[in-house]
Amino acid sequence: MSSLSGFVKRIRDIMRNDAGINGDAQRIEQIAWMLFLKIYDAKETDWEFEEKNYKSIIPANCRWSAWAHDGGNRNALTGGSLLEFVNNTLFPTLKGLAVTPDTPVTQSIVKTTFEDANQYMKDGVLLRQLINVIDELDFADYDEIHAFGEIYESILKELQSAGSAGEFYTPRAVTQFMAKMIKPKIGEVMADFACGTGGFITSWLSELKGQLKTTEDQEAYARSIYGIEKKQFPYMLCITNLLLDDLVVPNVYHDNSLLRDVLSYTEADQFDVILMNPPYGGSEKADVKSHFPDDLAGSETADLFMSVIMYRMKKTGRAAVILPDGFLFGTDNVKINIKKKLLKDFNLHTIIRMPGSVFSPYTSITTNILFFDHDGPTKETWFYRLDMPEGYKHFSKSKPMKLEHFDPVVEWWDDRHAIEQDGFDKAKSFTAEQLADEFGYNFDQCGFPHEEEEILDPLDLIQRYQEQRSSLNAEIDRVLTEITERLGGAKE
């Protein structure tokens, strides 16, 4: 296979010439289903070798090796014949595969993966060229698999400039840091209820790998993840990545985590660890909010996911969750109630304030990592502001955040102490009583000095304004209610 940069450039150049591809999101989705079939075909070769009576769920003519592999004989489908086959045979066949409750997960994932997949290309010759480039990948070669890991990362990074698809990608440095600080243990199960392309799952597995010593450890490792992803495209990428990582029965589902009553969850539905970056900025419909208690039934997606997280964490469980600034300073009723529950029922021990450009160019909204345990109420919460590393004005695609940029936090983590820098708090602890009574559940502490803040994009600026206006109105209502109560109640 050619170099990483060469591979990515080749597939990008081919699709740029096809009239059916409109933008980065469609380009990556087109690559995704091809990579899935190529990788699945390689796995099936292994399964056929290991299982004497192995039978593929994919009809023989639709397996990658049958229609996509050229073999150098120049008899492979191309042009109109290839488009005819892919559009009218391959996709209808894979979408219509017969799946029952008894179908092994290793086979049922094919139908699940293709249920909402799309084929966008209109030029059969260009489609053949793209297939040939992808077919060069050799998944029987360890070095090739390692190289593909880099290619996969490169593809995921493209999501950051793919419009709304950017919500699926959390920078790898962030997922690695969160998995590292949560300290995974063999036998634990980690969940991500909006897992996207599986960044938190793969970071969790990477942290666990160094602890594997026995066959029992390997089995526990394979059972240590649980994921749900609502959207087809990132779900497909997640499954593909886990297959490549030899998780042949990935416990990841194409579903919506918000469509079940949170009060119906039992201990069997709870997990040891939750790592996630809930979608934020979105608004949910009334039928979604009906699955939550009235005091927690907001319309903001991130708020609803916080409720799911709290109801699905085991006693003594641990969580690390990314939330936008709007959650920290928000004082509307739902956010207040979520934060009350967080302080009362959980130990919110740490909040890391991250620089605004971590998710750039998808959004410039400043985000935060909340670490909390389910081992009793909060006594104190430490805030730590992670400043831009020296030599950086902001992060970008060419200068992304790296794991080493979290080193100051890691060094501080086990030796916590207050830090003041240029007259501003960089690290400081507050009691639960202070956060509740003194600040009115406004968790916007140890923030970035005004002169260091980035100028937000217009849409991000509007979103922040709306959040702050809503919070200010809620704060005014709270203060007026308090004054009224002190005056002896409102007079009729």
Protein backbone atom coordinates (compact mmCIF):
# COMPACT_ATOMS: atom_id res chain seq x y z
CA MET A 1 0.00 0.00 0.00
CA SER A 2 1.20 3.54 -0.66
CA SER A 3 1.92 5.98 2.14
CA LEU A 4 -0.76 7.29 4.45
CA SER A 5 -0.81 10.74 2.88
CA GLY A 6 -0.79 9.17 -0.59
CA PHE A 7 -3.76 6.92 0.19
CA VAL A 8 -5.89 9.71 1.62
CA LYS A 9 -5.00 12.04 -1.26
CA ARG A 10 -5.86 9.42 -3.88
CA ILE A 11 -9.33 8.67 -2.52
CA ARG A 12 -10.02 12.38 -2.03
CA ASP A 13 -8.97 13.26 -5.59
CA ILE A 14 -11.10 10.50 -7.13
CA MET A 15 -14.29 11.56 -5.34
CA ARG A 16 -13.79 15.25 -6.02
CA ASN A 17 -14.35 14.44 -9.69
CA ASP A 18 -17.67 12.68 -9.09
CA ALA A 19 -20.82 14.80 -9.49
CA GLY A 20 -22.71 12.69 -6.95
CA ILE A 21 -20.45 13.58 -4.02
CA ASN A 22 -21.49 16.82 -2.38
CA GLY A 23 -19.21 17.79 0.49
CA ASP A 24 -17.02 16.10 3.08
CA ALA A 25 -19.80 14.28 4.94
CA GLN A 26 -20.95 12.39 1.82
CA ARG A 27 -17.36 11.68 0.81
CA ILE A 28 -16.56 10.08 4.17
CA GLU A 29 -19.85 8.15 4.23
CA GLN A 30 -19.02 6.75 0.79
CA ILE A 31 -15.63 5.57 2.05
CA ALA A 32 -17.18 4.15 5.24
CA TRP A 33 -19.41 1.47 3.72
CA MET A 34 -16.63 0.34 1.38
CA LEU A 35 -14.15 0.03 4.24
CA PHE A 36 -16.71 -1.93 6.25
CA LEU A 37 -17.23 -4.46 3.46
CA LYS A 38 -13.49 -4.76 2.80
CA ILE A 39 -12.71 -5.33 6.50
CA TYR A 40 -15.69 -7.67 6.97
CA ASP A 41 -14.51 -9.73 4.01
CA ALA A 42 -11.06 -10.06 5.61
CA LYS A 43 -12.65 -11.14 8.90
CA GLU A 44 -14.83 -13.69 7.11
CA THR A 45 -11.70 -15.23 5.60
CA ASP A 46 -10.40 -15.73 9.15
CA TRP A 47 -13.73 -17.13 10.38
CA GLU A 48 -13.89 -19.58 7.47
CA PHE A 49 -10.43 -20.85 8.43
CA GLU A 50 -11.38 -21.18 12.11
CA GLU A 51 -14.90 -22.62 11.66
CA LYS A 52 -15.29 -25.63 9.40
CA ASN A 53 -18.98 -25.02 8.67
CA TYR A 54 -18.92 -21.22 8.60
CA LYS A 55 -21.65 -19.75 6.38
CA SER A 56 -21.69 -16.08 5.43
CA ILE A 57 -24.87 -14.07 5.79
CA ILE A 58 -23.85 -12.18 2.64
CA PRO A 59 -24.79 -13.92 -0.64
CA ALA A 60 -21.70 -15.05 -2.56
CA ASN A 61 -22.12 -12.50 -5.36
CA CYS A 62 -22.28 -9.62 -2.87
CA ARG A 63 -19.14 -10.42 -0.90
CA TRP A 64 -16.34 -7.89 -1.49
CA SER A 65 -13.99 -10.49 -2.92
CA ALA A 66 -16.58 -11.46 -5.54
CA TRP A 67 -17.54 -8.10 -7.03
CA ALA A 68 -15.00 -5.52 -5.83
CA HIS A 69 -11.68 -7.35 -6.04
CA ASP A 70 -10.11 -6.83 -9.46
CA GLY A 71 -7.47 -9.56 -9.27
CA GLY A 72 -5.61 -8.00 -12.17
CA ASN A 73 -7.66 -9.81 -14.82
CA ARG A 74 -9.45 -6.63 -15.89
CA ASN A 75 -12.80 -8.47 -15.89
CA ALA A 76 -14.09 -6.66 -12.79
CA LEU A 77 -17.29 -4.65 -13.08
CA THR A 78 -16.86 -0.99 -13.97
CA GLY A 79 -18.77 1.91 -15.50
CA GLY A 80 -22.53 1.50 -15.88
CA SER A 81 -22.41 -2.23 -15.05
CA LEU A 82 -20.78 -1.50 -11.68
CA LEU A 83 -23.29 1.25 -10.82
CA GLU A 84 -26.15 -1.07 -11.82
CA PHE A 85 -24.86 -3.82 -9.55
CA VAL A 86 -24.10 -1.59 -6.53
CA ASN A 87 -27.34 0.41 -6.70
CA ASN A 88 -29.79 -2.33 -7.70
CA THR A 89 -28.28 -5.54 -6.31
CA LEU A 90 -25.70 -4.91 -3.57
CA PHE A 91 -27.51 -2.27 -1.52
CA PRO A 92 -31.04 -3.81 -1.73
CA THR A 93 -29.58 -7.22 -0.82
CA LEU A 94 -27.62 -6.04 2.22
CA LYS A 95 -30.44 -3.81 3.46
CA GLY A 96 -32.89 -6.73 3.15
CA LEU A 97 -30.85 -9.50 4.77
CA ALA A 98 -32.98 -11.89 6.83
CA VAL A 99 -32.09 -11.39 10.49
CA THR A 100 -33.76 -13.10 13.47
CA PRO A 101 -33.12 -12.96 17.23
CA ASP A 102 -31.01 -16.11 16.74
CA THR A 103 -28.74 -14.54 14.11
CA PRO A 104 -25.20 -14.17 15.52
CA VAL A 105 -24.19 -10.56 16.17
CA THR A 106 -21.20 -11.03 13.88
CA GLN A 107 -23.68 -11.46 11.02
CA SER A 108 -26.60 -9.23 12.01
CA ILE A 109 -24.28 -6.19 12.10
CA VAL A 110 -24.11 -6.32 8.29
CA LYS A 111 -27.81 -5.50 7.93
CA THR A 112 -27.71 -2.98 10.80
CA THR A 113 -24.73 -1.25 9.23
CA PHE A 114 -26.39 -0.94 5.81
CA GLU A 115 -29.94 -0.09 6.91
CA ASP A 116 -29.47 3.65 6.34
CA ALA A 117 -26.23 3.65 4.33
CA ASN A 118 -26.06 5.53 1.01
CA GLN A 119 -24.23 5.17 -2.29
CA TYR A 120 -23.66 8.64 -3.70
CA MET A 121 -21.29 8.19 -6.66
CA LYS A 122 -22.68 8.60 -10.16
CA ASP A 123 -19.61 7.80 -12.27
CA GLY A 124 -19.00 4.05 -12.49
CA VAL A 125 -15.43 4.46 -13.73
CA LEU A 126 -14.51 6.68 -10.77
CA LEU A 127 -16.29 4.24 -8.44
CA ARG A 128 -14.11 1.41 -9.80
CA GLN A 129 -10.98 3.53 -9.27
CA LEU A 130 -11.98 4.19 -5.65
CA ILE A 131 -12.73 0.51 -5.03
CA ASN A 132 -9.33 -0.48 -6.41
CA VAL A 133 -7.52 1.92 -4.06
CA ILE A 134 -9.39 0.58 -1.03
CA ASP A 135 -8.88 -3.01 -2.20
CA GLU A 136 -5.10 -2.48 -2.00
CA LEU A 137 -5.38 -2.53 1.80
CA ASP A 138 -4.17 -5.89 3.14
CA PHE A 139 -5.74 -6.68 6.52
CA ALA A 140 -3.79 -9.92 6.82
CA ASP A 141 -0.62 -7.86 7.28
CA TYR A 142 0.02 -6.56 10.81
CA ASP A 143 1.98 -3.53 9.59
CA GLU A 144 -0.77 -2.74 7.12
CA ILE A 145 -3.39 -2.87 9.91
CA HIS A 146 -1.27 -0.52 12.00
CA ALA A 147 -0.96 1.86 9.04
CA PHE A 148 -4.70 1.72 8.51
CA GLY A 149 -5.16 2.84 12.09
CA GLU A 150 -3.51 6.10 11.08
CA ILE A 151 -5.63 6.31 7.94
CA TYR A 152 -8.75 5.77 10.02
CA GLU A 153 -7.72 8.57 12.37
CA SER A 154 -7.17 10.83 9.37
CA ILE A 155 -10.65 10.04 8.05
CA LEU A 156 -12.20 10.79 11.43
CA LYS A 157 -10.41 14.12 11.66
CA GLU A 158 -12.02 15.08 8.36
CA LEU A 159 -15.34 14.95 10.21
CA GLN A 160 -14.40 18.15 12.00
CA SER A 161 -14.88 20.06 8.77
CA ALA A 162 -17.89 18.05 7.60
CA GLY A 163 -20.60 20.39 8.83
CA SER A 164 -22.98 18.91 11.39
CA ALA A 165 -21.18 15.58 11.10
CA GLY A 166 -18.45 17.12 13.25
CA GLU A 167 -20.42 16.22 16.36
CA PHE A 168 -19.31 12.61 15.89
CA TYR A 169 -15.63 13.26 16.44
CA THR A 170 -14.01 14.06 19.78
CA PRO A 171 -10.27 14.76 19.42
CA ARG A 172 -8.31 11.64 20.28
CA ALA A 173 -6.15 13.50 22.81
CA VAL A 174 -9.29 14.29 24.81
CA THR A 175 -10.67 10.72 24.76
CA GLN A 176 -7.24 9.36 25.72
CA PHE A 177 -6.91 11.78 28.63
CA MET A 178 -10.37 10.97 29.96
CA ALA A 179 -9.81 7.20 29.68
CA LYS A 180 -6.43 7.54 31.40
CA MET A 181 -7.77 9.57 34.33
CA ILE A 182 -10.78 7.28 34.86
CA LYS A 183 -8.30 4.41 35.53
CA PRO A 184 -9.95 1.37 33.84
CA LYS A 185 -9.88 -2.02 35.58
CA ILE A 186 -10.26 -5.53 34.18
CA GLY A 187 -13.82 -6.71 34.69
CA GLU A 188 -15.42 -3.28 34.46
CA VAL A 189 -17.80 -2.30 31.67
CA MET A 190 -17.67 1.18 30.15
CA ALA A 191 -20.64 2.77 28.38
CA ASP A 192 -21.04 5.62 25.90
CA PHE A 193 -24.68 6.41 25.09
CA ALA A 194 -23.85 8.56 22.05
CA CYS A 195 -20.69 6.79 20.95
CA GLY A 196 -20.30 8.27 17.46
CA THR A 197 -17.34 6.65 15.73
CA GLY A 198 -16.18 4.96 18.94
CA GLY A 199 -13.42 7.29 20.12
CA PHE A 200 -14.07 6.77 23.83
CA ILE A 201 -14.52 3.02 23.32
CA THR A 202 -11.18 2.59 21.57
CA SER A 203 -9.39 4.82 24.11
CA TRP A 204 -10.86 2.73 26.95
CA LEU A 205 -9.74 -0.50 25.24
CA SER A 206 -6.28 0.93 24.67
CA GLU A 207 -5.92 1.70 28.39
CA LEU A 208 -7.08 -1.83 29.30
CA LYS A 209 -4.76 -3.66 26.90
CA GLY A 210 -1.70 -3.23 29.10
CA GLN A 211 -3.47 -5.08 31.94
CA LEU A 212 -4.30 -8.26 29.99
CA LYS A 213 -2.49 -11.34 31.31
CA THR A 214 -4.83 -14.33 31.21
CA THR A 215 -7.50 -15.83 28.94
CA GLU A 216 -10.09 -14.63 31.46
CA ASP A 217 -8.69 -11.10 31.11
CA GLN A 218 -9.07 -11.32 27.32
CA GLU A 219 -12.69 -12.42 27.66
CA ALA A 220 -13.44 -9.60 30.12
CA TYR A 221 -11.74 -7.17 27.71
CA ALA A 222 -14.07 -8.22 24.88
CA ARG A 223 -17.10 -7.66 27.15
CA SER A 224 -15.90 -4.36 28.59
CA ILE A 225 -17.67 -1.92 26.27
CA TYR A 226 -21.25 -0.86 25.56
CA GLY A 227 -22.22 1.76 22.99
CA ILE A 228 -25.31 3.26 21.40
CA GLU A 229 -25.26 5.53 18.37
CA LYS A 230 -28.36 7.13 16.85
CA LYS A 231 -26.96 8.03 13.43
CA GLN A 232 -26.12 5.43 10.82
CA PHE A 233 -22.93 6.91 9.43
CA PRO A 234 -20.88 7.16 12.65
CA TYR A 235 -22.31 3.80 13.79
CA MET A 236 -20.87 2.22 10.65
CA LEU A 237 -17.45 3.74 11.30
CA CYS A 238 -17.55 2.56 14.91
CA ILE A 239 -18.37 -1.05 14.00
CA THR A 240 -15.68 -1.03 11.29
CA ASN A 241 -13.05 0.19 13.72
CA LEU A 242 -13.97 -2.40 16.37
CA LEU A 243 -13.89 -5.23 13.84
CA LEU A 244 -10.39 -4.12 12.91
CA ASP A 245 -9.52 -4.14 16.62
CA ASP A 246 -10.61 -7.83 16.75
CA LEU A 247 -13.81 -7.19 18.70
CA VAL A 248 -15.81 -9.52 16.48
CA VAL A 249 -18.93 -9.20 18.66
CA PRO A 250 -18.94 -5.46 19.37
CA ASN A 251 -21.57 -4.56 21.98
CA VAL A 252 -22.60 -1.43 20.07
CA TYR A 253 -26.14 -0.71 18.90
CA HIS A 254 -27.79 1.53 16.30
CA ASP A 255 -30.42 3.13 18.54
CA ASN A 256 -31.45 6.31 20.38
CA SER A 257 -30.53 6.44 24.09
CA LEU A 258 -33.18 9.07 24.79
CA LEU A 259 -36.18 6.94 23.80
CA ARG A 260 -36.57 4.96 27.03
CA ASP A 261 -38.06 6.07 30.35
CA VAL A 262 -35.08 6.76 32.63
CA LEU A 263 -37.10 5.68 35.68
CA SER A 264 -37.41 2.17 34.19
CA TYR A 265 -33.68 1.46 34.39
CA THR A 266 -32.64 -1.26 36.84
CA GLU A 267 -29.25 -2.33 38.17
CA ALA A 268 -28.91 -4.58 35.10
CA ASP A 269 -28.95 -1.43 32.93
CA GLN A 270 -26.19 0.31 34.87
CA PHE A 271 -22.45 0.48 34.20
CA ASP A 272 -19.19 0.77 36.11
CA VAL A 273 -17.85 3.63 34.00
CA ILE A 274 -19.39 6.16 31.62
CA LEU A 275 -17.23 8.13 29.19
CA MET A 276 -18.95 10.38 26.69
CA ASN A 277 -19.34 13.66 24.89
CA PRO A 278 -23.13 14.14 24.69
CA PRO A 279 -24.40 16.01 21.61
CA TYR A 280 -25.14 19.59 22.63
CA GLY A 281 -26.80 22.58 21.06
CA GLY A 282 -29.65 20.40 19.77
CA SER A 283 -33.28 20.51 20.85
CA GLU A 284 -35.46 17.44 21.43
CA LYS A 285 -39.18 17.02 20.72
CA ALA A 286 -41.89 16.64 23.36
CA ASP A 287 -42.15 12.87 22.85
CA VAL A 288 -38.46 12.53 23.80
CA LYS A 289 -38.89 14.70 26.91
CA SER A 290 -41.77 12.48 28.02
CA HIS A 291 -39.22 9.81 28.96
CA PHE A 292 -37.83 11.99 31.76
CA PRO A 293 -39.18 13.20 35.12
CA ASP A 294 -40.80 16.65 34.81
CA ASP A 295 -38.04 18.39 36.78
CA LEU A 296 -35.36 16.98 34.41
CA ALA A 297 -37.28 17.16 31.13
CA GLY A 298 -35.48 19.94 29.29
CA SER A 299 -35.24 20.39 25.54
CA GLU A 300 -31.41 20.71 25.43
CA THR A 301 -29.92 17.39 24.31
CA ALA A 302 -26.91 17.52 26.64
CA ASP A 303 -29.19 18.01 29.66
CA LEU A 304 -31.21 14.91 28.78
CA PHE A 305 -28.07 12.84 28.35
CA MET A 306 -26.87 13.97 31.77
CA SER A 307 -30.03 12.48 33.24
CA VAL A 308 -29.47 9.22 31.34
CA ILE A 309 -25.89 9.12 32.65
CA MET A 310 -26.96 9.62 36.26
CA TYR A 311 -29.67 6.94 36.09
CA ARG A 312 -27.40 4.42 34.35
CA MET A 313 -24.33 4.63 36.62
CA LYS A 314 -23.75 1.84 39.12
CA LYS A 315 -23.32 2.56 42.78
CA THR A 316 -19.56 3.27 43.17
CA GLY A 317 -19.49 3.93 39.41
CA ARG A 318 -17.35 6.64 37.77
CA ALA A 319 -17.93 9.06 34.92
CA ALA A 320 -16.09 11.60 32.80
CA VAL A 321 -18.37 13.72 30.60
CA ILE A 322 -17.75 16.65 28.23
CA LEU A 323 -20.24 19.51 28.55
CA PRO A 324 -20.33 23.04 27.10
CA ASP A 325 -20.02 26.24 29.15
CA GLY A 326 -23.80 26.67 28.86
CA PHE A 327 -24.28 23.78 31.27
CA LEU A 328 -21.90 25.27 33.83
CA PHE A 329 -23.37 28.78 33.98
CA GLY A 330 -26.94 27.77 33.10
CA THR A 331 -29.48 28.52 35.84
CA ASP A 332 -32.74 27.59 34.12
CA ASN A 333 -34.90 25.20 36.12
CA VAL A 334 -33.81 21.99 34.39
CA LYS A 335 -30.08 22.74 34.62
CA ILE A 336 -30.51 23.75 38.27
CA ASN A 337 -32.29 20.47 39.00
CA ILE A 338 -29.63 18.41 37.20
CA LYS A 339 -26.87 20.17 39.13
CA LYS A 340 -28.75 19.72 42.42
CA LYS A 341 -28.99 15.99 41.75
CA LEU A 342 -25.33 15.90 40.70
CA LEU A 343 -24.20 17.47 44.00
CA LYS A 344 -26.63 15.55 46.19
CA ASP A 345 -26.36 12.02 44.76
CA PHE A 346 -22.89 12.07 43.18
CA ASN A 347 -19.39 13.22 44.07
CA LEU A 348 -18.57 15.89 41.47
CA HIS A 349 -14.90 16.06 42.40
CA THR A 350 -13.28 17.73 39.36
CA ILE A 351 -14.14 20.07 36.49
CA ILE A 352 -11.47 20.71 33.85
CA ARG A 353 -12.04 23.90 31.84
CA MET A 354 -10.70 23.32 28.30
CA PRO A 355 -9.59 25.96 25.77
CA GLY A 356 -12.22 27.11 23.29
CA SER A 357 -10.52 25.80 20.16
CA VAL A 358 -10.31 22.13 21.21
CA PHE A 359 -13.18 21.28 18.83
CA SER A 360 -12.24 23.84 16.17
CA PRO A 361 -13.25 24.25 13.39
CA TYR A 362 -16.53 22.48 14.29
CA THR A 363 -17.25 24.86 17.15
CA SER A 364 -15.46 27.51 19.20
CA ILE A 365 -17.78 27.03 22.18
CA THR A 366 -15.68 26.36 25.28
CA THR A 367 -16.14 22.88 26.72
CA ASN A 368 -15.40 21.23 30.05
CA ILE A 369 -14.77 17.75 31.42
CA LEU A 370 -16.79 16.81 34.50
CA PHE A 371 -15.44 13.92 36.59
CA PHE A 372 -17.85 12.45 39.14
CA ASP A 373 -18.34 9.26 41.15
CA HIS A 374 -21.46 7.58 42.51
CA ASP A 375 -20.07 7.05 46.01
CA GLY A 376 -21.87 9.69 48.03
CA PRO A 377 -22.70 13.41 47.89
CA THR A 378 -20.26 16.08 46.77
CA LYS A 379 -18.21 17.67 49.54
CA GLU A 380 -15.95 19.83 47.39
CA THR A 381 -15.34 20.36 43.69
CA TRP A 382 -11.98 21.28 42.23
CA PHE A 383 -11.86 23.47 39.12
CA TYR A 384 -8.77 23.55 36.91
CA ARG A 385 -8.32 25.81 33.89
CA LEU A 386 -6.24 24.22 31.16
CA ASP A 387 -4.58 27.07 29.26
CA MET A 388 -3.31 26.93 25.70
CA PRO A 389 0.17 25.38 25.52
CA GLU A 390 3.11 27.67 24.94
CA GLY A 391 3.53 28.56 21.27
CA TYR A 392 -0.17 28.01 20.44
CA LYS A 393 -2.74 30.73 19.86
CA HIS A 394 -5.42 28.16 19.10
CA PHE A 395 -5.78 24.54 18.00
CA SER A 396 -6.59 23.67 14.39
CA LYS A 397 -6.58 20.74 11.96
CA SER A 398 -2.91 21.34 11.26
CA LYS A 399 -2.07 21.94 14.94
CA PRO A 400 -4.48 19.71 16.88
CA MET A 401 -4.53 19.15 20.62
CA LYS A 402 -2.11 16.42 21.76
CA LEU A 403 -2.24 14.18 24.81
CA GLU A 404 0.91 15.85 26.15
CA HIS A 405 -0.99 19.13 26.40
CA PHE A 406 -2.85 17.59 29.35
CA ASP A 407 0.44 17.02 31.24
CA PRO A 408 -0.10 20.03 33.55
CA VAL A 409 -3.45 18.55 34.64
CA VAL A 410 -1.96 15.08 35.17
CA GLU A 411 0.84 16.54 37.33
CA TRP A 412 -1.67 18.55 39.38
CA TRP A 413 -4.24 15.73 39.70
CA ASP A 414 -2.62 13.85 42.61
CA ASP A 415 -1.21 16.96 44.27
CA ARG A 416 -4.15 19.34 44.19
CA HIS A 417 -3.53 22.89 45.26
CA ALA A 418 -4.97 26.29 44.48
CA ILE A 419 -3.25 28.21 41.68
CA GLU A 420 -3.62 31.91 40.94
CA GLN A 421 -2.17 33.34 37.74
CA ASP A 422 -2.07 37.04 36.83
CA GLY A 423 -4.76 37.75 39.40
CA PHE A 424 -7.13 35.06 38.12
CA ASP A 425 -7.94 31.67 39.68
CA LYS A 426 -6.49 28.85 37.58
CA ALA A 427 -7.22 26.07 40.09
CA LYS A 428 -9.43 26.29 43.15
CA SER A 429 -11.82 24.16 45.19
CA PHE A 430 -15.33 25.12 46.29
CA THR A 431 -17.63 23.32 48.71
CA ALA A 432 -20.96 21.98 47.56
CA GLU A 433 -22.59 24.55 49.84
CA GLN A 434 -20.73 27.39 48.11
CA LEU A 435 -21.73 26.16 44.66
CA ALA A 436 -25.37 25.84 45.74
CA ASP A 437 -25.96 28.77 48.10
CA GLU A 438 -23.31 31.34 47.24
CA PHE A 439 -23.26 30.86 43.45
CA GLY A 440 -26.84 29.64 42.90
CA TYR A 441 -25.60 26.51 41.09
CA ASN A 442 -23.50 28.55 38.68
CA PHE A 443 -20.47 26.31 38.09
CA ASP A 444 -18.69 28.88 35.92
CA GLN A 445 -15.57 29.07 38.14
CA CYS A 446 -11.87 29.37 37.20
CA GLY A 447 -12.86 30.46 33.72
CA PHE A 448 -10.65 32.02 31.08
CA PRO A 449 -9.75 35.70 31.53
CA HIS A 450 -11.72 37.85 29.11
CA GLU A 451 -8.65 38.96 27.17
CA GLU A 452 -7.77 35.31 26.42
CA GLU A 453 -11.16 34.34 25.05
CA GLU A 454 -11.51 33.59 21.35
CA ILE A 455 -13.87 35.56 19.17
CA LEU A 456 -16.68 33.13 18.45
CA ASP A 457 -18.19 32.37 15.07
CA PRO A 458 -21.56 34.15 14.59
CA LEU A 459 -23.68 30.99 15.15
CA ASP A 460 -21.68 30.08 18.27
CA LEU A 461 -22.01 33.67 19.48
CA ILE A 462 -25.79 33.55 19.04
CA GLN A 463 -25.99 30.22 20.86
CA ARG A 464 -23.92 31.55 23.77
CA TYR A 465 -26.04 34.73 23.91
CA GLN A 466 -29.24 32.67 24.05
CA GLU A 467 -27.83 30.48 26.81
CA GLN A 468 -26.67 33.47 28.85
CA ARG A 469 -29.97 35.32 28.35
CA SER A 470 -31.93 32.26 29.49
CA SER A 471 -29.66 31.86 32.51
CA LEU A 472 -29.91 35.55 33.41
CA ASN A 473 -33.72 35.46 33.22
CA ALA A 474 -33.76 32.36 35.42
CA GLU A 475 -31.40 34.03 37.90
CA ILE A 476 -33.61 37.15 38.05
CA ASP A 477 -36.67 34.94 38.69
CA ARG A 478 -34.80 33.07 41.44
CA VAL A 479 -33.72 36.29 43.20
CA LEU A 480 -37.21 37.82 42.94
CA THR A 481 -38.74 34.65 44.39
CA GLU A 482 -36.24 34.73 47.25
CA ILE A 483 -37.01 38.41 47.95
CA THR A 484 -40.75 37.72 47.85
CA GLU A 485 -40.39 34.86 50.32
CA ARG A 486 -38.35 37.04 52.69
CA LEU A 487 -41.03 39.76 52.52
CA GLY A 488 -43.59 37.21 53.63
CA GLY A 489 -45.01 36.09 50.31
CA ALA A 490 -46.73 37.84 47.46
CA LYS A 491 -49.85 39.87 48.29
CA GLU A 492 -52.97 39.21 46.32
